[in-house]
Amino acid sequence: MCKEKSRKHLEKIGDSNRKAEDASDSRIRRVTDSGALQSQMDSIAQRFAEQEEGSVLDTYGFVTARPRPITYLTSISLHTGWLHLIGNT
């Protein structure tokens, strides 16, 4: 069931006649040079990696791909928002 649902979702995304989801989706569809599009996506990924590198969540949050002993303790006190923090009291 799950594989069938995923397959249908991928078919829907790949359909060039589907309605654009947002302005970014619309811009991407107008690009005819796939190299320029890939360059733009690489640039966005690089900026994201630079911003994430020194973040509090990256430093003290538990990341399963690279666990560190201190993050087992510090990740307990990190919260993603006020509602999350209030819900834990």
PDB file of N, CA and C in Angstrom:
ATOM      1  N   MET A   1       0.827  -1.204   0.000  1.00  0.00           N
ATOM      2  CA  MET A   1       0.000   0.000   0.000  1.00  0.00           C
ATOM      3  C   MET A   1       0.867   1.261   0.000  1.00  0.00           C
ATOM      4  N   CYS A   2       1.870   1.287   0.853  1.00  0.00           N
ATOM      5  CA  CYS A   2       2.724   2.460   0.970  1.00  0.00           C
ATOM      6  C   CYS A   2       3.530   2.677  -0.312  1.00  0.00           C
ATOM      7  N   LYS A   3       4.034   1.594  -0.901  1.00  0.00           N
ATOM      8  CA  LYS A   3       4.804   1.704  -2.140  1.00  0.00           C
ATOM      9  C   LYS A   3       3.923   2.215  -3.271  1.00  0.00           C
ATOM     10  N   GLU A   4       2.690   1.759  -3.316  1.00  0.00           N
ATOM     11  CA  GLU A   4       1.759   2.200  -4.348  1.00  0.00           C
ATOM     12  C   GLU A   4       1.468   3.695  -4.197  1.00  0.00           C
ATOM     13  N   LYS A   5       1.281   4.132  -2.961  1.00  0.00           N
ATOM     14  CA  LYS A   5       1.016   5.538  -2.692  1.00  0.00           C
ATOM     15  C   LYS A   5       2.219   6.396  -3.094  1.00  0.00           C
ATOM     16  N   SER A   6       3.417   5.937  -2.777  1.00  0.00           N
ATOM     17  CA  SER A   6       4.639   6.661  -3.143  1.00  0.00           C
ATOM     18  C   SER A   6       4.785   6.751  -4.658  1.00  0.00           C
ATOM     19  N   ARG A   7       4.505   5.659  -5.340  1.00  0.00           N
ATOM     20  CA  ARG A   7       4.609   5.640  -6.798  1.00  0.00           C
ATOM     21  C   ARG A   7       3.653   6.654  -7.415  1.00  0.00           C
ATOM     22  N   LYS A   8       2.413   6.688  -6.917  1.00  0.00           N
ATOM     23  CA  LYS A   8       1.425   7.635  -7.439  1.00  0.00           C
ATOM     24  C   LYS A   8       1.847   9.074  -7.162  1.00  0.00           C
ATOM     25  N   HIS A   9       2.420   9.312  -5.987  1.00  0.00           N
ATOM     26  CA  HIS A   9       2.886  10.660  -5.632  1.00  0.00           C
ATOM     27  C   HIS A   9       4.009  11.101  -6.570  1.00  0.00           C
ATOM     28  N   LEU A  10       4.951  10.205  -6.850  1.00  0.00           N
ATOM     29  CA  LEU A  10       6.048  10.533  -7.757  1.00  0.00           C
ATOM     30  C   LEU A  10       5.534  10.794  -9.166  1.00  0.00           C
ATOM     31  N   GLU A  11       4.545  10.036  -9.600  1.00  0.00           N
ATOM     32  CA  GLU A  11       3.959  10.264 -10.921  1.00  0.00           C
ATOM     33  C   GLU A  11       3.301  11.645 -10.979  1.00  0.00           C
ATOM     34  N   LYS A  12       2.613  12.013  -9.903  1.00  0.00           N
ATOM     35  CA  LYS A  12       1.949  13.315  -9.853  1.00  0.00           C
ATOM     36  C   LYS A  12       2.969  14.449  -9.912  1.00  0.00           C
ATOM     37  N   ILE A  13       4.059  14.307  -9.166  1.00  0.00           N
ATOM     38  CA  ILE A  13       5.089  15.338  -9.149  1.00  0.00           C
ATOM     39  C   ILE A  13       5.742  15.476 -10.522  1.00  0.00           C
ATOM     40  N   GLY A  14       5.969  14.357 -11.186  1.00  0.00           N
ATOM     41  CA  GLY A  14       6.627  14.369 -12.486  1.00  0.00           C
ATOM     42  C   GLY A  14       5.751  14.833 -13.634  1.00  0.00           C
ATOM     43  N   ASP A  15       4.457  14.961 -13.421  1.00  0.00           N
ATOM     44  CA  ASP A  15       3.530  15.374 -14.473  1.00  0.00           C
ATOM     45  C   ASP A  15       3.696  16.868 -14.751  1.00  0.00           C
ATOM     46  N   SER A  16       4.149  17.199 -15.952  1.00  0.00           N
ATOM     47  CA  SER A  16       4.385  18.607 -16.293  1.00  0.00           C
ATOM     48  C   SER A  16       3.093  19.398 -16.462  1.00  0.00           C
ATOM     49  N   ASN A  17       1.960  18.742 -16.534  1.00  0.00           N
ATOM     50  CA  ASN A  17       0.676  19.423 -16.700  1.00  0.00           C
ATOM     51  C   ASN A  17      -0.013  19.735 -15.370  1.00  0.00           C
ATOM     52  N   ARG A  18       0.576  19.302 -14.259  1.00  0.00           N
ATOM     53  CA  ARG A  18      -0.065  19.557 -12.969  1.00  0.00           C
ATOM     54  C   ARG A  18       0.029  21.036 -12.602  1.00  0.00           C
ATOM     55  N   LYS A  19      -0.852  21.453 -11.727  1.00  0.00           N
ATOM     56  CA  LYS A  19      -0.884  22.832 -11.260  1.00  0.00           C
ATOM     57  C   LYS A  19       0.359  23.113 -10.416  1.00  0.00           C
ATOM     58  N   ALA A  20       0.965  24.286 -10.611  1.00  0.00           N
ATOM     59  CA  ALA A  20       2.146  24.675  -9.834  1.00  0.00           C
ATOM     60  C   ALA A  20       1.758  24.833  -8.367  1.00  0.00           C
ATOM     61  N   GLU A  21       2.615  24.342  -7.477  1.00  0.00           N
ATOM     62  CA  GLU A  21       2.339  24.395  -6.039  1.00  0.00           C
ATOM     63  C   GLU A  21       2.529  25.793  -5.475  1.00  0.00           C
ATOM     64  N   ASP A  22       3.557  26.502  -5.938  1.00  0.00           N
ATOM     65  CA  ASP A  22       3.848  27.848  -5.441  1.00  0.00           C
ATOM     66  C   ASP A  22       4.698  28.586  -6.472  1.00  0.00           C
ATOM     67  N   ALA A  23       5.148  29.790  -6.124  1.00  0.00           N
ATOM     68  CA  ALA A  23       5.928  30.600  -7.064  1.00  0.00           C
ATOM     69  C   ALA A  23       7.254  29.943  -7.413  1.00  0.00           C
ATOM     70  N   SER A  24       7.877  29.284  -6.454  1.00  0.00           N
ATOM     71  CA  SER A  24       9.150  28.620  -6.712  1.00  0.00           C
ATOM     72  C   SER A  24       8.964  27.476  -7.709  1.00  0.00           C
ATOM     73  N   ASP A  25       7.921  26.703  -7.516  1.00  0.00           N
ATOM     74  CA  ASP A  25       7.607  25.608  -8.435  1.00  0.00           C
ATOM     75  C   ASP A  25       7.372  26.161  -9.835  1.00  0.00           C
ATOM     76  N   SER A  26       6.695  27.274  -9.917  1.00  0.00           N
ATOM     77  CA  SER A  26       6.400  27.905 -11.195  1.00  0.00           C
ATOM     78  C   SER A  26       7.690  28.365 -11.884  1.00  0.00           C
ATOM     79  N   ARG A  27       8.611  28.978 -11.120  1.00  0.00           N
ATOM     80  CA  ARG A  27       9.883  29.434 -11.684  1.00  0.00           C
ATOM     81  C   ARG A  27      10.715  28.258 -12.188  1.00  0.00           C
ATOM     82  N   ILE A  28      10.749  27.183 -11.415  1.00  0.00           N
ATOM     83  CA  ILE A  28      11.532  26.013 -11.791  1.00  0.00           C
ATOM     84  C   ILE A  28      11.036  25.428 -13.109  1.00  0.00           C
ATOM     85  N   ARG A  29       9.752  25.440 -13.310  1.00  0.00           N
ATOM     86  CA  ARG A  29       9.183  24.888 -14.552  1.00  0.00           C
ATOM     87  C   ARG A  29       9.563  25.700 -15.773  1.00  0.00           C
ATOM     88  N   ARG A  30       9.809  26.999 -15.587  1.00  0.00           N
ATOM     89  CA  ARG A  30      10.157  27.861 -16.720  1.00  0.00           C
ATOM     90  C   ARG A  30      11.624  27.749 -17.115  1.00  0.00           C
ATOM     91  N   VAL A  31      12.448  27.175 -16.273  1.00  0.00           N
ATOM     92  CA  VAL A  31      13.877  27.047 -16.565  1.00  0.00           C
ATOM     93  C   VAL A  31      14.077  25.977 -17.632  1.00  0.00           C
ATOM     94  N   THR A  32      14.782  26.346 -18.682  1.00  0.00           N
ATOM     95  CA  THR A  32      15.046  25.391 -19.752  1.00  0.00           C
ATOM     96  C   THR A  32      16.457  24.817 -19.656  1.00  0.00           C
ATOM     97  N   ASP A  33      17.350  25.514 -18.958  1.00  0.00           N
ATOM     98  CA  ASP A  33      18.735  25.063 -18.805  1.00  0.00           C
ATOM     99  C   ASP A  33      18.868  24.303 -17.489  1.00  0.00           C
ATOM    100  N   SER A  34      18.941  22.985 -17.568  1.00  0.00           N
ATOM    101  CA  SER A  34      19.009  22.183 -16.345  1.00  0.00           C
ATOM    102  C   SER A  34      20.317  22.423 -15.587  1.00  0.00           C
ATOM    103  N   GLY A  35      21.372  22.795 -16.286  1.00  0.00           N
ATOM    104  CA  GLY A  35      22.649  23.110 -15.625  1.00  0.00           C
ATOM    105  C   GLY A  35      22.528  24.335 -14.731  1.00  0.00           C
ATOM    106  N   ALA A  36      21.808  25.361 -15.209  1.00  0.00           N
ATOM    107  CA  ALA A  36      21.606  26.568 -14.410  1.00  0.00           C
ATOM    108  C   ALA A  36      20.754  26.263 -13.186  1.00  0.00           C
ATOM    109  N   LEU A  37      19.747  25.419 -13.370  1.00  0.00           N
ATOM    110  CA  LEU A  37      18.891  25.031 -12.253  1.00  0.00           C
ATOM    111  C   LEU A  37      19.695  24.257 -11.211  1.00  0.00           C
ATOM    112  N   GLN A  38      20.545  23.329 -11.669  1.00  0.00           N
ATOM    113  CA  GLN A  38      21.373  22.563 -10.744  1.00  0.00           C
ATOM    114  C   GLN A  38      22.345  23.471  -9.999  1.00  0.00           C
ATOM    115  N   SER A  39      22.894  24.444 -10.693  1.00  0.00           N
ATOM    116  CA  SER A  39      23.805  25.409 -10.064  1.00  0.00           C
ATOM    117  C   SER A  39      23.093  26.200  -8.969  1.00  0.00           C
ATOM    118  N   GLN A  40      21.869  26.606  -9.249  1.00  0.00           N
ATOM    119  CA  GLN A  40      21.083  27.349  -8.260  1.00  0.00           C
ATOM    120  C   GLN A  40      20.781  26.468  -7.047  1.00  0.00           C
ATOM    121  N   MET A  41      20.414  25.230  -7.277  1.00  0.00           N
ATOM    122  CA  MET A  41      20.122  24.319  -6.169  1.00  0.00           C
ATOM    123  C   MET A  41      21.380  24.038  -5.350  1.00  0.00           C
ATOM    124  N   ASP A  42      22.535  23.896  -6.001  1.00  0.00           N
ATOM    125  CA  ASP A  42      23.800  23.694  -5.289  1.00  0.00           C
ATOM    126  C   ASP A  42      24.128  24.887  -4.405  1.00  0.00           C
ATOM    127  N   SER A  43      23.868  26.079  -4.925  1.00  0.00           N
ATOM    128  CA  SER A  43      24.116  27.304  -4.161  1.00  0.00           C
ATOM    129  C   SER A  43      23.228  27.363  -2.915  1.00  0.00           C
ATOM    130  N   ILE A  44      21.963  27.011  -3.071  1.00  0.00           N
ATOM    131  CA  ILE A  44      21.034  26.999  -1.933  1.00  0.00           C
ATOM    132  C   ILE A  44      21.475  25.973  -0.898  1.00  0.00           C
ATOM    133  N   ALA A  45      21.884  24.796  -1.345  1.00  0.00           N
ATOM    134  CA  ALA A  45      22.340  23.743  -0.427  1.00  0.00           C
ATOM    135  C   ALA A  45      23.589  24.180   0.324  1.00  0.00           C
ATOM    136  N   GLN A  46      24.500  24.861  -0.358  1.00  0.00           N
ATOM    137  CA  GLN A  46      25.726  25.354   0.284  1.00  0.00           C
ATOM    138  C   GLN A  46      25.409  26.392   1.352  1.00  0.00           C
ATOM    139  N   ARG A  47      24.514  27.337   1.051  1.00  0.00           N
ATOM    140  CA  ARG A  47      24.131  28.359   2.045  1.00  0.00           C
ATOM    141  C   ARG A  47      23.470  27.715   3.256  1.00  0.00           C
ATOM    142  N   PHE A  48      22.635  26.711   3.019  1.00  0.00           N
ATOM    143  CA  PHE A  48      21.980  26.017   4.125  1.00  0.00           C
ATOM    144  C   PHE A  48      23.011  25.334   5.016  1.00  0.00           C
ATOM    145  N   ALA A  49      23.970  24.655   4.405  1.00  0.00           N
ATOM    146  CA  ALA A  49      25.007  23.957   5.167  1.00  0.00           C
ATOM    147  C   ALA A  49      25.831  24.936   5.998  1.00  0.00           C
ATOM    148  N   GLU A  50      26.140  26.101   5.440  1.00  0.00           N
ATOM    149  CA  GLU A  50      26.912  27.113   6.172  1.00  0.00           C
ATOM    150  C   GLU A  50      26.136  27.645   7.374  1.00  0.00           C
ATOM    151  N   GLN A  51      24.849  27.892   7.197  1.00  0.00           N
ATOM    152  CA  GLN A  51      24.031  28.414   8.294  1.00  0.00           C
ATOM    153  C   GLN A  51      23.789  27.369   9.362  1.00  0.00           C
ATOM    154  N   GLU A  52      23.661  26.120   8.968  1.00  0.00           N
ATOM    155  CA  GLU A  52      23.380  25.058   9.916  1.00  0.00           C
ATOM    156  C   GLU A  52      24.609  24.694  10.744  1.00  0.00           C
ATOM    157  N   GLU A  53      25.790  24.869  10.172  1.00  0.00           N
ATOM    158  CA  GLU A  53      27.028  24.407  10.794  1.00  0.00           C
ATOM    159  C   GLU A  53      27.251  24.939  12.206  1.00  0.00           C
ATOM    160  N   GLY A  54      27.008  26.191  12.460  1.00  0.00           N
ATOM    161  CA  GLY A  54      27.264  26.753  13.776  1.00  0.00           C
ATOM    162  C   GLY A  54      26.021  26.920  14.624  1.00  0.00           C
ATOM    163  N   SER A  55      24.920  26.330  14.219  1.00  0.00           N
ATOM    164  CA  SER A  55      23.668  26.542  14.946  1.00  0.00           C
ATOM    165  C   SER A  55      23.665  25.821  16.287  1.00  0.00           C
ATOM    166  N   VAL A  56      22.824  26.293  17.176  1.00  0.00           N
ATOM    167  CA  VAL A  56      22.687  25.689  18.502  1.00  0.00           C
ATOM    168  C   VAL A  56      22.198  24.254  18.380  1.00  0.00           C
ATOM    169  N   LEU A  57      21.228  24.029  17.502  1.00  0.00           N
ATOM    170  CA  LEU A  57      20.709  22.672  17.333  1.00  0.00           C
ATOM    171  C   LEU A  57      21.771  21.723  16.793  1.00  0.00           C
ATOM    172  N   ASP A  58      22.607  22.204  15.884  1.00  0.00           N
ATOM    173  CA  ASP A  58      23.653  21.354  15.337  1.00  0.00           C
ATOM    174  C   ASP A  58      24.728  21.058  16.386  1.00  0.00           C
ATOM    175  N   THR A  59      25.002  22.028  17.243  1.00  0.00           N
ATOM    176  CA  THR A  59      26.039  21.858  18.262  1.00  0.00           C
ATOM    177  C   THR A  59      25.576  20.996  19.421  1.00  0.00           C
ATOM    178  N   TYR A  60      24.370  21.239  19.933  1.00  0.00           N
ATOM    179  CA  TYR A  60      23.917  20.575  21.152  1.00  0.00           C
ATOM    180  C   TYR A  60      22.788  19.563  20.949  1.00  0.00           C
ATOM    181  N   GLY A  61      22.203  19.530  19.766  1.00  0.00           N
ATOM    182  CA  GLY A  61      21.132  18.572  19.493  1.00  0.00           C
ATOM    183  C   GLY A  61      21.698  17.201  19.161  1.00  0.00           C
ATOM    184  N   PHE A  62      20.932  16.174  19.434  1.00  0.00           N
ATOM    185  CA  PHE A  62      21.367  14.808  19.142  1.00  0.00           C
ATOM    186  C   PHE A  62      21.127  14.505  17.672  1.00  0.00           C
ATOM    187  N   VAL A  63      22.188  14.230  16.946  1.00  0.00           N
ATOM    188  CA  VAL A  63      22.108  13.891  15.532  1.00  0.00           C
ATOM    189  C   VAL A  63      22.515  12.424  15.403  1.00  0.00           C
ATOM    190  N   THR A  64      21.594  11.588  14.980  1.00  0.00           N
ATOM    191  CA  THR A  64      21.858  10.147  14.962  1.00  0.00           C
ATOM    192  C   THR A  64      23.008   9.778  14.033  1.00  0.00           C
ATOM    193  N   ALA A  65      23.237  10.563  12.992  1.00  0.00           N
ATOM    194  CA  ALA A  65      24.316  10.262  12.057  1.00  0.00           C
ATOM    195  C   ALA A  65      25.693  10.487  12.671  1.00  0.00           C
ATOM    196  N   ARG A  66      25.777  11.367  13.666  1.00  0.00           N
ATOM    197  CA  ARG A  66      27.051  11.642  14.335  1.00  0.00           C
ATOM    198  C   ARG A  66      26.819  11.962  15.816  1.00  0.00           C
ATOM    199  N   PRO A  67      26.474  10.948  16.587  1.00  0.00           N
ATOM    200  CA  PRO A  67      26.216  11.180  18.010  1.00  0.00           C
ATOM    201  C   PRO A  67      27.496  11.513  18.772  1.00  0.00           C
ATOM    202  N   ARG A  68      27.361  12.412  19.740  1.00  0.00           N
ATOM    203  CA  ARG A  68      28.463  12.751  20.642  1.00  0.00           C
ATOM    204  C   ARG A  68      27.942  12.592  22.056  1.00  0.00           C
ATOM    205  N   PRO A  69      28.774  12.183  22.975  1.00  0.00           N
ATOM    206  CA  PRO A  69      28.309  11.927  24.349  1.00  0.00           C
ATOM    207  C   PRO A  69      27.561  13.102  24.983  1.00  0.00           C
ATOM    208  N   ILE A  70      28.037  14.322  24.798  1.00  0.00           N
ATOM    209  CA  ILE A  70      27.405  15.480  25.446  1.00  0.00           C
ATOM    210  C   ILE A  70      25.982  15.711  24.936  1.00  0.00           C
ATOM    211  N   THR A  71      25.716  15.349  23.678  1.00  0.00           N
ATOM    212  CA  THR A  71      24.389  15.622  23.114  1.00  0.00           C
ATOM    213  C   THR A  71      23.306  14.723  23.707  1.00  0.00           C
ATOM    214  N   TYR A  72      23.692  13.624  24.341  1.00  0.00           N
ATOM    215  CA  TYR A  72      22.697  12.795  25.021  1.00  0.00           C
ATOM    216  C   TYR A  72      22.049  13.593  26.159  1.00  0.00           C
ATOM    217  N   LEU A  73      22.803  14.483  26.767  1.00  0.00           N
ATOM    218  CA  LEU A  73      22.276  15.315  27.858  1.00  0.00           C
ATOM    219  C   LEU A  73      21.697  16.634  27.367  1.00  0.00           C
ATOM    220  N   THR A  74      22.436  17.321  26.497  1.00  0.00           N
ATOM    221  CA  THR A  74      21.995  18.651  26.070  1.00  0.00           C
ATOM    222  C   THR A  74      20.745  18.619  25.202  1.00  0.00           C
ATOM    223  N   SER A  75      20.545  17.557  24.452  1.00  0.00           N
ATOM    224  CA  SER A  75      19.375  17.503  23.568  1.00  0.00           C
ATOM    225  C   SER A  75      18.070  17.446  24.353  1.00  0.00           C
ATOM    226  N   ILE A  76      18.125  16.995  25.593  1.00  0.00           N
ATOM    227  CA  ILE A  76      16.929  16.900  26.424  1.00  0.00           C
ATOM    228  C   ILE A  76      16.339  18.280  26.706  1.00  0.00           C
ATOM    229  N   SER A  77      17.199  19.284  26.830  1.00  0.00           N
ATOM    230  CA  SER A  77      16.709  20.621  27.193  1.00  0.00           C
ATOM    231  C   SER A  77      16.449  21.522  25.988  1.00  0.00           C
ATOM    232  N   LEU A  78      16.708  21.069  24.775  1.00  0.00           N
ATOM    233  CA  LEU A  78      16.434  21.885  23.588  1.00  0.00           C
ATOM    234  C   LEU A  78      14.968  21.754  23.198  1.00  0.00           C
ATOM    235  N   HIS A  79      14.354  22.875  22.851  1.00  0.00           N
ATOM    236  CA  HIS A  79      12.947  22.882  22.458  1.00  0.00           C
ATOM    237  C   HIS A  79      12.793  23.642  21.157  1.00  0.00           C
ATOM    238  N   THR A  80      11.822  23.245  20.368  1.00  0.00           N
ATOM    239  CA  THR A  80      11.640  23.864  19.055  1.00  0.00           C
ATOM    240  C   THR A  80      10.687  25.054  19.073  1.00  0.00           C
ATOM    241  N   GLY A  81      10.020  25.303  20.164  1.00  0.00           N
ATOM    242  CA  GLY A  81       9.113  26.437  20.226  1.00  0.00           C
ATOM    243  C   GLY A  81       8.426  26.528  21.574  1.00  0.00           C
ATOM    244  N   TRP A  82       7.706  27.619  21.778  1.00  0.00           N
ATOM    245  CA  TRP A  82       7.037  27.850  23.064  1.00  0.00           C
ATOM    246  C   TRP A  82       5.983  26.794  23.363  1.00  0.00           C
ATOM    247  N   LEU A  83       5.201  26.401  22.376  1.00  0.00           N
ATOM    248  CA  LEU A  83       4.166  25.395  22.609  1.00  0.00           C
ATOM    249  C   LEU A  83       4.777  24.057  23.036  1.00  0.00           C
ATOM    250  N   HIS A  84       5.889  23.714  22.430  1.00  0.00           N
ATOM    251  CA  HIS A  84       6.590  22.498  22.811  1.00  0.00           C
ATOM    252  C   HIS A  84       7.098  22.610  24.249  1.00  0.00           C
ATOM    253  N   LEU A  85       7.679  23.748  24.593  1.00  0.00           N
ATOM    254  CA  LEU A  85       8.221  23.969  25.928  1.00  0.00           C
ATOM    255  C   LEU A  85       7.079  23.947  26.967  1.00  0.00           C
ATOM    256  N   ILE A  86       5.973  24.607  26.697  1.00  0.00           N
ATOM    257  CA  ILE A  86       4.835  24.651  27.616  1.00  0.00           C
ATOM    258  C   ILE A  86       4.223  23.256  27.759  1.00  0.00           C
ATOM    259  N   GLY A  87       4.174  22.517  26.651  1.00  0.00           N
ATOM    260  CA  GLY A  87       3.596  21.175  26.683  1.00  0.00           C
ATOM    261  C   GLY A  87       4.410  20.198  27.513  1.00  0.00           C
ATOM    262  N   ASN A  88       5.676  20.488  27.731  1.00  0.00           N
ATOM    263  CA  ASN A  88       6.527  19.604  28.516  1.00  0.00           C
ATOM    264  C   ASN A  88       6.482  19.902  30.006  1.00  0.00           C
ATOM    265  N   THR A  89       5.765  20.923  30.413  1.00  0.00           N
ATOM    266  CA  THR A  89       5.724  21.258  31.854  1.00  0.00           C
ATOM    267  C   THR A  89       4.625  20.534  32.553  1.00  0.00           C
TER     268      THR A  89
END
